[in-house]
Amino acid sequence: MADIKRKNERAEEMKPNEEIVMSWRLKAYPANHFAKIKFILKDESDSTSLLVEAEGVPSHMAEETKNGLTRYYLASIARTFGFSARMS
């Protein structure tokens, strides 16, 4: 696995074709606080679903975190592959 360390994100674990686990934070999080974000790929035979799980998100920042993940990751993935992202 490549060593990915940026100010607001850090790769923790990668299982090719299955999942990526990373520590991630919004700038507005308390100092030195990171949430654990898991991107899970699910083979649906004729398509692939991307599930996003988040642990350790400050409860008062849940909606802001959801918006940040959508803006920084899901929208970029959707543009790259030419489809829209739905986050529920």
PDB file of N, CA and C in Angstrom:
ATOM      1  N   MET A   1       0.843  -1.177   0.000  1.00  0.00           N
ATOM      2  CA  MET A   1       0.000   0.000   0.000  1.00  0.00           C
ATOM      3  C   MET A   1       0.887   1.239   0.000  1.00  0.00           C
ATOM      4  N   ALA A   2       0.513   2.192  -0.816  1.00  0.00           N
ATOM      5  CA  ALA A   2       1.234   3.464  -0.853  1.00  0.00           C
ATOM      6  C   ALA A   2       1.042   4.191   0.468  1.00  0.00           C
ATOM      7  N   ASP A   3       2.063   4.884   0.894  1.00  0.00           N
ATOM      8  CA  ASP A   3       1.992   5.646   2.137  1.00  0.00           C
ATOM      9  C   ASP A   3       1.366   7.000   1.835  1.00  0.00           C
ATOM     10  N   ILE A   4       0.094   7.136   2.158  1.00  0.00           N
ATOM     11  CA  ILE A   4      -0.618   8.386   1.900  1.00  0.00           C
ATOM     12  C   ILE A   4      -0.809   9.101   3.225  1.00  0.00           C
ATOM     13  N   LYS A   5      -0.153  10.244   3.370  1.00  0.00           N
ATOM     14  CA  LYS A   5      -0.309  11.055   4.575  1.00  0.00           C
ATOM     15  C   LYS A   5      -0.422  12.503   4.145  1.00  0.00           C
ATOM     16  N   ARG A   6      -1.553  13.071   4.399  1.00  0.00           N
ATOM     17  CA  ARG A   6      -1.768  14.490   4.150  1.00  0.00           C
ATOM     18  C   ARG A   6      -2.218  15.101   5.458  1.00  0.00           C
ATOM     19  N   LYS A   7      -2.325  16.393   5.454  1.00  0.00           N
ATOM     20  CA  LYS A   7      -2.689  17.096   6.681  1.00  0.00           C
ATOM     21  C   LYS A   7      -4.007  16.587   7.271  1.00  0.00           C
ATOM     22  N   ASN A   8      -5.002  16.326   6.412  1.00  0.00           N
ATOM     23  CA  ASN A   8      -6.327  15.962   6.899  1.00  0.00           C
ATOM     24  C   ASN A   8      -6.756  14.540   6.555  1.00  0.00           C
ATOM     25  N   GLU A   9      -5.849  13.729   6.051  1.00  0.00           N
ATOM     26  CA  GLU A   9      -6.193  12.340   5.763  1.00  0.00           C
ATOM     27  C   GLU A   9      -4.954  11.459   5.813  1.00  0.00           C
ATOM     28  N   ARG A  10      -5.200  10.196   6.143  1.00  0.00           N
ATOM     29  CA  ARG A  10      -4.118   9.222   6.256  1.00  0.00           C
ATOM     30  C   ARG A  10      -4.674   7.854   5.868  1.00  0.00           C
ATOM     31  N   ALA A  11      -4.044   7.191   4.908  1.00  0.00           N
ATOM     32  CA  ALA A  11      -4.463   5.837   4.544  1.00  0.00           C
ATOM     33  C   ALA A  11      -4.077   4.890   5.675  1.00  0.00           C
ATOM     34  N   GLU A  12      -4.985   4.024   6.067  1.00  0.00           N
ATOM     35  CA  GLU A  12      -4.736   3.084   7.160  1.00  0.00           C
ATOM     36  C   GLU A  12      -4.650   1.647   6.658  1.00  0.00           C
ATOM     37  N   GLU A  13      -5.549   1.282   5.737  1.00  0.00           N
ATOM     38  CA  GLU A  13      -5.622  -0.102   5.287  1.00  0.00           C
ATOM     39  C   GLU A  13      -6.249  -0.136   3.900  1.00  0.00           C
ATOM     40  N   MET A  14      -5.769  -1.053   3.054  1.00  0.00           N
ATOM     41  CA  MET A  14      -6.360  -1.204   1.738  1.00  0.00           C
ATOM     42  C   MET A  14      -6.418  -2.685   1.386  1.00  0.00           C
ATOM     43  N   LYS A  15      -7.609  -3.128   0.986  1.00  0.00           N
ATOM     44  CA  LYS A  15      -7.803  -4.483   0.480  1.00  0.00           C
ATOM     45  C   LYS A  15      -8.231  -4.310  -0.972  1.00  0.00           C
ATOM     46  N   PRO A  16      -7.334  -4.590  -1.927  1.00  0.00           N
ATOM     47  CA  PRO A  16      -7.663  -4.369  -3.339  1.00  0.00           C
ATOM     48  C   PRO A  16      -9.008  -4.985  -3.729  1.00  0.00           C
ATOM     49  N   ASN A  17      -9.790  -4.203  -4.452  1.00  0.00           N
ATOM     50  CA  ASN A  17     -11.113  -4.603  -4.945  1.00  0.00           C
ATOM     51  C   ASN A  17     -12.143  -4.814  -3.837  1.00  0.00           C
ATOM     52  N   GLU A  18     -11.820  -4.431  -2.591  1.00  0.00           N
ATOM     53  CA  GLU A  18     -12.749  -4.622  -1.485  1.00  0.00           C
ATOM     54  C   GLU A  18     -12.991  -3.355  -0.671  1.00  0.00           C
ATOM     55  N   GLU A  19     -11.929  -2.794  -0.085  1.00  0.00           N
ATOM     56  CA  GLU A  19     -12.149  -1.625   0.768  1.00  0.00           C
ATOM     57  C   GLU A  19     -10.881  -0.811   0.981  1.00  0.00           C
ATOM     58  N   ILE A  20     -11.113   0.447   1.340  1.00  0.00           N
ATOM     59  CA  ILE A  20     -10.058   1.376   1.743  1.00  0.00           C
ATOM     60  C   ILE A  20     -10.489   1.955   3.082  1.00  0.00           C
ATOM     61  N   VAL A  21      -9.586   1.935   4.050  1.00  0.00           N
ATOM     62  CA  VAL A  21      -9.861   2.513   5.361  1.00  0.00           C
ATOM     63  C   VAL A  21      -8.879   3.654   5.561  1.00  0.00           C
ATOM     64  N   MET A  22      -9.400   4.793   6.003  1.00  0.00           N
ATOM     65  CA  MET A  22      -8.527   5.945   6.206  1.00  0.00           C
ATOM     66  C   MET A  22      -8.969   6.756   7.410  1.00  0.00           C
ATOM     67  N   SER A  23      -8.022   7.478   7.972  1.00  0.00           N
ATOM     68  CA  SER A  23      -8.320   8.483   8.988  1.00  0.00           C
ATOM     69  C   SER A  23      -8.522   9.783   8.231  1.00  0.00           C
ATOM     70  N   TRP A  24      -9.568  10.503   8.567  1.00  0.00           N
ATOM     71  CA  TRP A  24      -9.921  11.700   7.813  1.00  0.00           C
ATOM     72  C   TRP A  24     -10.535  12.714   8.762  1.00  0.00           C
ATOM     73  N   ARG A  25     -10.318  13.990   8.464  1.00  0.00           N
ATOM     74  CA  ARG A  25     -10.899  15.029   9.314  1.00  0.00           C
ATOM     75  C   ARG A  25     -11.253  16.252   8.500  1.00  0.00           C
ATOM     76  N   LEU A  26     -12.274  16.929   8.949  1.00  0.00           N
ATOM     77  CA  LEU A  26     -12.572  18.266   8.454  1.00  0.00           C
ATOM     78  C   LEU A  26     -11.710  19.240   9.242  1.00  0.00           C
ATOM     79  N   LYS A  27     -11.398  20.357   8.644  1.00  0.00           N
ATOM     80  CA  LYS A  27     -10.616  21.379   9.362  1.00  0.00           C
ATOM     81  C   LYS A  27     -11.317  21.828  10.635  1.00  0.00           C
ATOM     82  N   ALA A  28     -12.652  21.760  10.628  1.00  0.00           N
ATOM     83  CA  ALA A  28     -13.433  22.226  11.773  1.00  0.00           C
ATOM     84  C   ALA A  28     -13.494  21.210  12.918  1.00  0.00           C
ATOM     85  N   TYR A  29     -12.958  19.999  12.732  1.00  0.00           N
ATOM     86  CA  TYR A  29     -12.937  19.019  13.815  1.00  0.00           C
ATOM     87  C   TYR A  29     -12.059  19.544  14.946  1.00  0.00           C
ATOM     88  N   PRO A  30     -12.278  19.050  16.163  1.00  0.00           N
ATOM     89  CA  PRO A  30     -11.376  19.425  17.257  1.00  0.00           C
ATOM     90  C   PRO A  30      -9.931  19.070  16.887  1.00  0.00           C
ATOM     91  N   ALA A  31      -8.994  19.795  17.441  1.00  0.00           N
ATOM     92  CA  ALA A  31      -7.568  19.583  17.139  1.00  0.00           C
ATOM     93  C   ALA A  31      -7.186  18.110  17.294  1.00  0.00           C
ATOM     94  N   ASN A  32      -6.465  17.605  16.306  1.00  0.00           N
ATOM     95  CA  ASN A  32      -5.947  16.233  16.299  1.00  0.00           C
ATOM     96  C   ASN A  32      -7.011  15.137  16.324  1.00  0.00           C
ATOM     97  N   HIS A  33      -8.268  15.475  16.027  1.00  0.00           N
ATOM     98  CA  HIS A  33      -9.330  14.463  15.989  1.00  0.00           C
ATOM     99  C   HIS A  33      -9.546  14.006  14.552  1.00  0.00           C
ATOM    100  N   PHE A  34      -9.531  12.702  14.334  1.00  0.00           N
ATOM    101  CA  PHE A  34      -9.777  12.111  13.024  1.00  0.00           C
ATOM    102  C   PHE A  34     -10.924  11.123  13.130  1.00  0.00           C
ATOM    103  N   ALA A  35     -11.763  11.071  12.112  1.00  0.00           N
ATOM    104  CA  ALA A  35     -12.784  10.038  11.998  1.00  0.00           C
ATOM    105  C   ALA A  35     -12.185   8.884  11.197  1.00  0.00           C
ATOM    106  N   LYS A  36     -12.720   7.702  11.383  1.00  0.00           N
ATOM    107  CA  LYS A  36     -12.307   6.539  10.594  1.00  0.00           C
ATOM    108  C   LYS A  36     -13.331   6.383   9.471  1.00  0.00           C
ATOM    109  N   ILE A  37     -12.867   6.490   8.233  1.00  0.00           N
ATOM    110  CA  ILE A  37     -13.738   6.403   7.067  1.00  0.00           C
ATOM    111  C   ILE A  37     -13.406   5.128   6.313  1.00  0.00           C
ATOM    112  N   LYS A  38     -14.444   4.381   5.972  1.00  0.00           N
ATOM    113  CA  LYS A  38     -14.252   3.132   5.242  1.00  0.00           C
ATOM    114  C   LYS A  38     -15.046   3.209   3.936  1.00  0.00           C
ATOM    115  N   PHE A  39     -14.348   3.018   2.806  1.00  0.00           N
ATOM    116  CA  PHE A  39     -14.968   2.929   1.489  1.00  0.00           C
ATOM    117  C   PHE A  39     -15.013   1.443   1.140  1.00  0.00           C
ATOM    118  N   ILE A  40     -16.213   0.902   0.965  1.00  0.00           N
ATOM    119  CA  ILE A  40     -16.390  -0.527   0.717  1.00  0.00           C
ATOM    120  C   ILE A  40     -16.984  -0.730  -0.673  1.00  0.00           C
ATOM    121  N   LEU A  41     -16.302  -1.535  -1.487  1.00  0.00           N
ATOM    122  CA  LEU A  41     -16.790  -1.863  -2.828  1.00  0.00           C
ATOM    123  C   LEU A  41     -17.567  -3.169  -2.762  1.00  0.00           C
ATOM    124  N   LYS A  42     -18.774  -3.176  -3.351  1.00  0.00           N
ATOM    125  CA  LYS A  42     -19.600  -4.385  -3.376  1.00  0.00           C
ATOM    126  C   LYS A  42     -19.916  -4.733  -4.817  1.00  0.00           C
ATOM    127  N   ASP A  43     -19.502  -5.919  -5.236  1.00  0.00           N
ATOM    128  CA  ASP A  43     -19.785  -6.405  -6.582  1.00  0.00           C
ATOM    129  C   ASP A  43     -21.250  -6.812  -6.643  1.00  0.00           C
ATOM    130  N   GLU A  44     -21.988  -6.181  -7.538  1.00  0.00           N
ATOM    131  CA  GLU A  44     -23.419  -6.460  -7.698  1.00  0.00           C
ATOM    132  C   GLU A  44     -23.672  -7.195  -9.012  1.00  0.00           C
ATOM    133  N   SER A  45     -22.728  -7.954  -9.495  1.00  0.00           N
ATOM    134  CA  SER A  45     -22.712  -8.727 -10.745  1.00  0.00           C
ATOM    135  C   SER A  45     -22.694  -7.854 -11.995  1.00  0.00           C
ATOM    136  N   ASP A  46     -23.630  -6.934 -12.157  1.00  0.00           N
ATOM    137  CA  ASP A  46     -23.604  -6.066 -13.341  1.00  0.00           C
ATOM    138  C   ASP A  46     -23.226  -4.628 -13.003  1.00  0.00           C
ATOM    139  N   SER A  47     -22.867  -4.390 -11.749  1.00  0.00           N
ATOM    140  CA  SER A  47     -22.459  -3.049 -11.312  1.00  0.00           C
ATOM    141  C   SER A  47     -21.678  -3.183 -10.006  1.00  0.00           C
ATOM    142  N   THR A  48     -21.164  -2.070  -9.545  1.00  0.00           N
ATOM    143  CA  THR A  48     -20.441  -2.040  -8.274  1.00  0.00           C
ATOM    144  C   THR A  48     -21.020  -0.932  -7.410  1.00  0.00           C
ATOM    145  N   SER A  49     -21.324  -1.254  -6.175  1.00  0.00           N
ATOM    146  CA  SER A  49     -21.803  -0.255  -5.221  1.00  0.00           C
ATOM    147  C   SER A  49     -20.636   0.191  -4.350  1.00  0.00           C
ATOM    148  N   LEU A  50     -20.635   1.458  -4.010  1.00  0.00           N
ATOM    149  CA  LEU A  50     -19.642   2.002  -3.095  1.00  0.00           C
ATOM    150  C   LEU A  50     -20.370   2.418  -1.827  1.00  0.00           C
ATOM    151  N   LEU A  51     -20.056   1.755  -0.730  1.00  0.00           N
ATOM    152  CA  LEU A  51     -20.636   2.098   0.565  1.00  0.00           C
ATOM    153  C   LEU A  51     -19.606   2.888   1.351  1.00  0.00           C
ATOM    154  N   VAL A  52     -20.068   3.885   2.079  1.00  0.00           N
ATOM    155  CA  VAL A  52     -19.177   4.700   2.895  1.00  0.00           C
ATOM    156  C   VAL A  52     -19.644   4.601   4.342  1.00  0.00           C
ATOM    157  N   GLU A  53     -18.736   4.198   5.221  1.00  0.00           N
ATOM    158  CA  GLU A  53     -19.026   4.136   6.651  1.00  0.00           C
ATOM    159  C   GLU A  53     -18.092   5.096   7.373  1.00  0.00           C
ATOM    160  N   ALA A  54     -18.602   5.737   8.402  1.00  0.00           N
ATOM    161  CA  ALA A  54     -17.791   6.680   9.176  1.00  0.00           C
ATOM    162  C   ALA A  54     -17.971   6.403  10.664  1.00  0.00           C
ATOM    163  N   GLU A  55     -16.862   6.331  11.376  1.00  0.00           N
ATOM    164  CA  GLU A  55     -16.865   6.152  12.832  1.00  0.00           C
ATOM    165  C   GLU A  55     -16.075   7.290  13.457  1.00  0.00           C
ATOM    166  N   GLY A  56     -16.472   7.680  14.645  1.00  0.00           N
ATOM    167  CA  GLY A  56     -15.720   8.690  15.374  1.00  0.00           C
ATOM    168  C   GLY A  56     -15.966  10.111  14.907  1.00  0.00           C
ATOM    169  N   VAL A  57     -17.068  10.318  14.195  1.00  0.00           N
ATOM    170  CA  VAL A  57     -17.421  11.667  13.744  1.00  0.00           C
ATOM    171  C   VAL A  57     -18.028  12.413  14.928  1.00  0.00           C
ATOM    172  N   PRO A  58     -17.556  13.621  15.233  1.00  0.00           N
ATOM    173  CA  PRO A  58     -18.189  14.389  16.309  1.00  0.00           C
ATOM    174  C   PRO A  58     -19.690  14.523  16.017  1.00  0.00           C
ATOM    175  N   SER A  59     -20.529  14.160  16.976  1.00  0.00           N
ATOM    176  CA  SER A  59     -21.976  14.088  16.735  1.00  0.00           C
ATOM    177  C   SER A  59     -22.570  15.392  16.216  1.00  0.00           C
ATOM    178  N   HIS A  60     -22.067  16.509  16.674  1.00  0.00           N
ATOM    179  CA  HIS A  60     -22.611  17.788  16.227  1.00  0.00           C
ATOM    180  C   HIS A  60     -22.130  18.163  14.819  1.00  0.00           C
ATOM    181  N   MET A  61     -21.253  17.337  14.239  1.00  0.00           N
ATOM    182  CA  MET A  61     -20.712  17.633  12.911  1.00  0.00           C
ATOM    183  C   MET A  61     -21.069  16.558  11.882  1.00  0.00           C
ATOM    184  N   ALA A  62     -22.073  15.735  12.171  1.00  0.00           N
ATOM    185  CA  ALA A  62     -22.435  14.630  11.274  1.00  0.00           C
ATOM    186  C   ALA A  62     -22.832  15.126   9.885  1.00  0.00           C
ATOM    187  N   GLU A  63     -23.701  16.097   9.815  1.00  0.00           N
ATOM    188  CA  GLU A  63     -24.163  16.598   8.512  1.00  0.00           C
ATOM    189  C   GLU A  63     -23.028  17.276   7.747  1.00  0.00           C
ATOM    190  N   GLU A  64     -22.224  18.046   8.441  1.00  0.00           N
ATOM    191  CA  GLU A  64     -21.080  18.711   7.810  1.00  0.00           C
ATOM    192  C   GLU A  64     -20.072  17.681   7.287  1.00  0.00           C
ATOM    193  N   THR A  65     -19.895  16.589   8.029  1.00  0.00           N
ATOM    194  CA  THR A  65     -18.994  15.518   7.594  1.00  0.00           C
ATOM    195  C   THR A  65     -19.543  14.837   6.348  1.00  0.00           C
ATOM    196  N   LYS A  66     -20.829  14.542   6.350  1.00  0.00           N
ATOM    197  CA  LYS A  66     -21.472  13.934   5.176  1.00  0.00           C
ATOM    198  C   LYS A  66     -21.283  14.820   3.949  1.00  0.00           C
ATOM    199  N   ASN A  67     -21.491  16.109   4.113  1.00  0.00           N
ATOM    200  CA  ASN A  67     -21.303  17.052   3.001  1.00  0.00           C
ATOM    201  C   ASN A  67     -19.844  17.093   2.547  1.00  0.00           C
ATOM    202  N   GLY A  68     -18.910  17.050   3.481  1.00  0.00           N
ATOM    203  CA  GLY A  68     -17.490  17.071   3.137  1.00  0.00           C
ATOM    204  C   GLY A  68     -17.071  15.833   2.366  1.00  0.00           C
ATOM    205  N   LEU A  69     -17.524  14.660   2.803  1.00  0.00           N
ATOM    206  CA  LEU A  69     -17.204  13.423   2.086  1.00  0.00           C
ATOM    207  C   LEU A  69     -17.802  13.437   0.682  1.00  0.00           C
ATOM    208  N   THR A  70     -19.015  13.944   0.573  1.00  0.00           N
ATOM    209  CA  THR A  70     -19.654  14.038  -0.746  1.00  0.00           C
ATOM    210  C   THR A  70     -18.863  14.975  -1.641  1.00  0.00           C
ATOM    211  N   ARG A  71     -18.502  16.126  -1.127  1.00  0.00           N
ATOM    212  CA  ARG A  71     -17.791  17.141  -1.917  1.00  0.00           C
ATOM    213  C   ARG A  71     -16.389  16.676  -2.307  1.00  0.00           C
ATOM    214  N   TYR A  72     -15.627  16.142  -1.357  1.00  0.00           N
ATOM    215  CA  TYR A  72     -14.225  15.805  -1.616  1.00  0.00           C
ATOM    216  C   TYR A  72     -14.025  14.470  -2.330  1.00  0.00           C
ATOM    217  N   TYR A  73     -14.904  13.525  -2.125  1.00  0.00           N
ATOM    218  CA  TYR A  73     -14.683  12.192  -2.688  1.00  0.00           C
ATOM    219  C   TYR A  73     -15.775  11.764  -3.662  1.00  0.00           C
ATOM    220  N   LEU A  74     -17.011  11.685  -3.194  1.00  0.00           N
ATOM    221  CA  LEU A  74     -18.063  11.095  -4.017  1.00  0.00           C
ATOM    222  C   LEU A  74     -18.360  11.887  -5.281  1.00  0.00           C
ATOM    223  N   ALA A  75     -18.371  13.200  -5.205  1.00  0.00           N
ATOM    224  CA  ALA A  75     -18.619  14.006  -6.407  1.00  0.00           C
ATOM    225  C   ALA A  75     -17.492  13.820  -7.422  1.00  0.00           C
ATOM    226  N   SER A  76     -16.258  13.726  -6.948  1.00  0.00           N
ATOM    227  CA  SER A  76     -15.114  13.509  -7.852  1.00  0.00           C
ATOM    228  C   SER A  76     -15.185  12.134  -8.510  1.00  0.00           C
ATOM    229  N   ILE A  77     -15.538  11.127  -7.737  1.00  0.00           N
ATOM    230  CA  ILE A  77     -15.685   9.777  -8.292  1.00  0.00           C
ATOM    231  C   ILE A  77     -16.797   9.771  -9.333  1.00  0.00           C
ATOM    232  N   ALA A  78     -17.918  10.408  -9.020  1.00  0.00           N
ATOM    233  CA  ALA A  78     -19.042  10.455  -9.954  1.00  0.00           C
ATOM    234  C   ALA A  78     -18.653  11.147 -11.253  1.00  0.00           C
ATOM    235  N   ARG A  79     -17.942  12.261 -11.166  1.00  0.00           N
ATOM    236  CA  ARG A  79     -17.502  12.962 -12.383  1.00  0.00           C
ATOM    237  C   ARG A  79     -16.549  12.098 -13.202  1.00  0.00           C
ATOM    238  N   THR A  80     -15.645  11.412 -12.533  1.00  0.00           N
ATOM    239  CA  THR A  80     -14.666  10.574 -13.225  1.00  0.00           C
ATOM    240  C   THR A  80     -15.342   9.466 -14.021  1.00  0.00           C
ATOM    241  N   PHE A  81     -16.353   8.841 -13.438  1.00  0.00           N
ATOM    242  CA  PHE A  81     -17.003   7.712 -14.093  1.00  0.00           C
ATOM    243  C   PHE A  81     -18.291   8.093 -14.819  1.00  0.00           C
ATOM    244  N   GLY A  82     -18.666   9.368 -14.783  1.00  0.00           N
ATOM    245  CA  GLY A  82     -19.800   9.850 -15.556  1.00  0.00           C
ATOM    246  C   GLY A  82     -21.167   9.487 -15.014  1.00  0.00           C
ATOM    247  N   PHE A  83     -21.315   9.438 -13.709  1.00  0.00           N
ATOM    248  CA  PHE A  83     -22.633   9.205 -13.122  1.00  0.00           C
ATOM    249  C   PHE A  83     -22.766  10.018 -11.851  1.00  0.00           C
ATOM    250  N   SER A  84     -23.975  10.090 -11.354  1.00  0.00           N
ATOM    251  CA  SER A  84     -24.189  10.897 -10.151  1.00  0.00           C
ATOM    252  C   SER A  84     -24.113  10.021  -8.906  1.00  0.00           C
ATOM    253  N   ALA A  85     -23.669  10.622  -7.827  1.00  0.00           N
ATOM    254  CA  ALA A  85     -23.543   9.905  -6.555  1.00  0.00           C
ATOM    255  C   ALA A  85     -24.777  10.165  -5.708  1.00  0.00           C
ATOM    256  N   ARG A  86     -25.277   9.119  -5.062  1.00  0.00           N
ATOM    257  CA  ARG A  86     -26.369   9.255  -4.107  1.00  0.00           C
ATOM    258  C   ARG A  86     -25.827   8.857  -2.751  1.00  0.00           C
ATOM    259  N   MET A  87     -26.088   9.670  -1.783  1.00  0.00           N
ATOM    260  CA  MET A  87     -25.608   9.352  -0.442  1.00  0.00           C
ATOM    261  C   MET A  87     -26.793   9.345   0.498  1.00  0.00           C
ATOM    262  N   SER A  88     -26.987   8.226   1.177  1.00  0.00           N
ATOM    263  CA  SER A  88     -28.126   8.140   2.095  1.00  0.00           C
ATOM    264  C   SER A  88     -27.664   7.831   3.495  1.00  0.00           C
TER     265      SER A  88
END
